[in-house]
Amino acid sequence: MLQPENPNDVAVITPELAGCDFGGSNIMDRMFMVLGALSAFIGVAAGAFGAHGLKPRLSAEMLAVFEVAVRYQMYHAFALIAAAWIQSKWPSSLVTAGGWLFVVGTVLFSGSLYLMSVIGTRWLGAITPLGGLSFLAGWVCLAWAAWRT
């Protein structure tokens, strides 16, 4: 345990002292960390809402669609957090592009599936593949950034 130098002081464990400092030296890594955390929060809330609030209201097929939206949102929330960490260690425009592609993919892919399952508007399914392509392009950007580093 850390002891304060002066007995009247309080020992404070900072992230740096604990060995878990994120870094976050530029705006992009902080932005991706915030967006990833918010996306994960929304994903958990949506999953709970789907399991408890929508289950009695949606068909089994539409509930499965909603669950796919939650799953891919969570995958890419963690991908955004990973992009934030990578960007803080090895800054690259490719990592930045990958992070933004994950954001766009989440909005288009998961967003269209959420709306399609809850509202029932089938034409929104035409937007979903664009989100999937954004996810794929984001992963390619991260791979390319790693290859170039």
Foldseek 3Di string as FASTA:
>chain_A
DDDDPDNVDDDDQDCVNVVNDLQQPDDLLVVLLVQLVVLLVVLVVQVVCLVPPCVVPFDPVLSVLLVVLSVLSNVLSVVSNVLSSCCSVQNDVLSSLLSVLSVVLSCLQSVLSNCCSPVVDVVSVVSNVVSVVSNVSSVVSVVVSVVVD
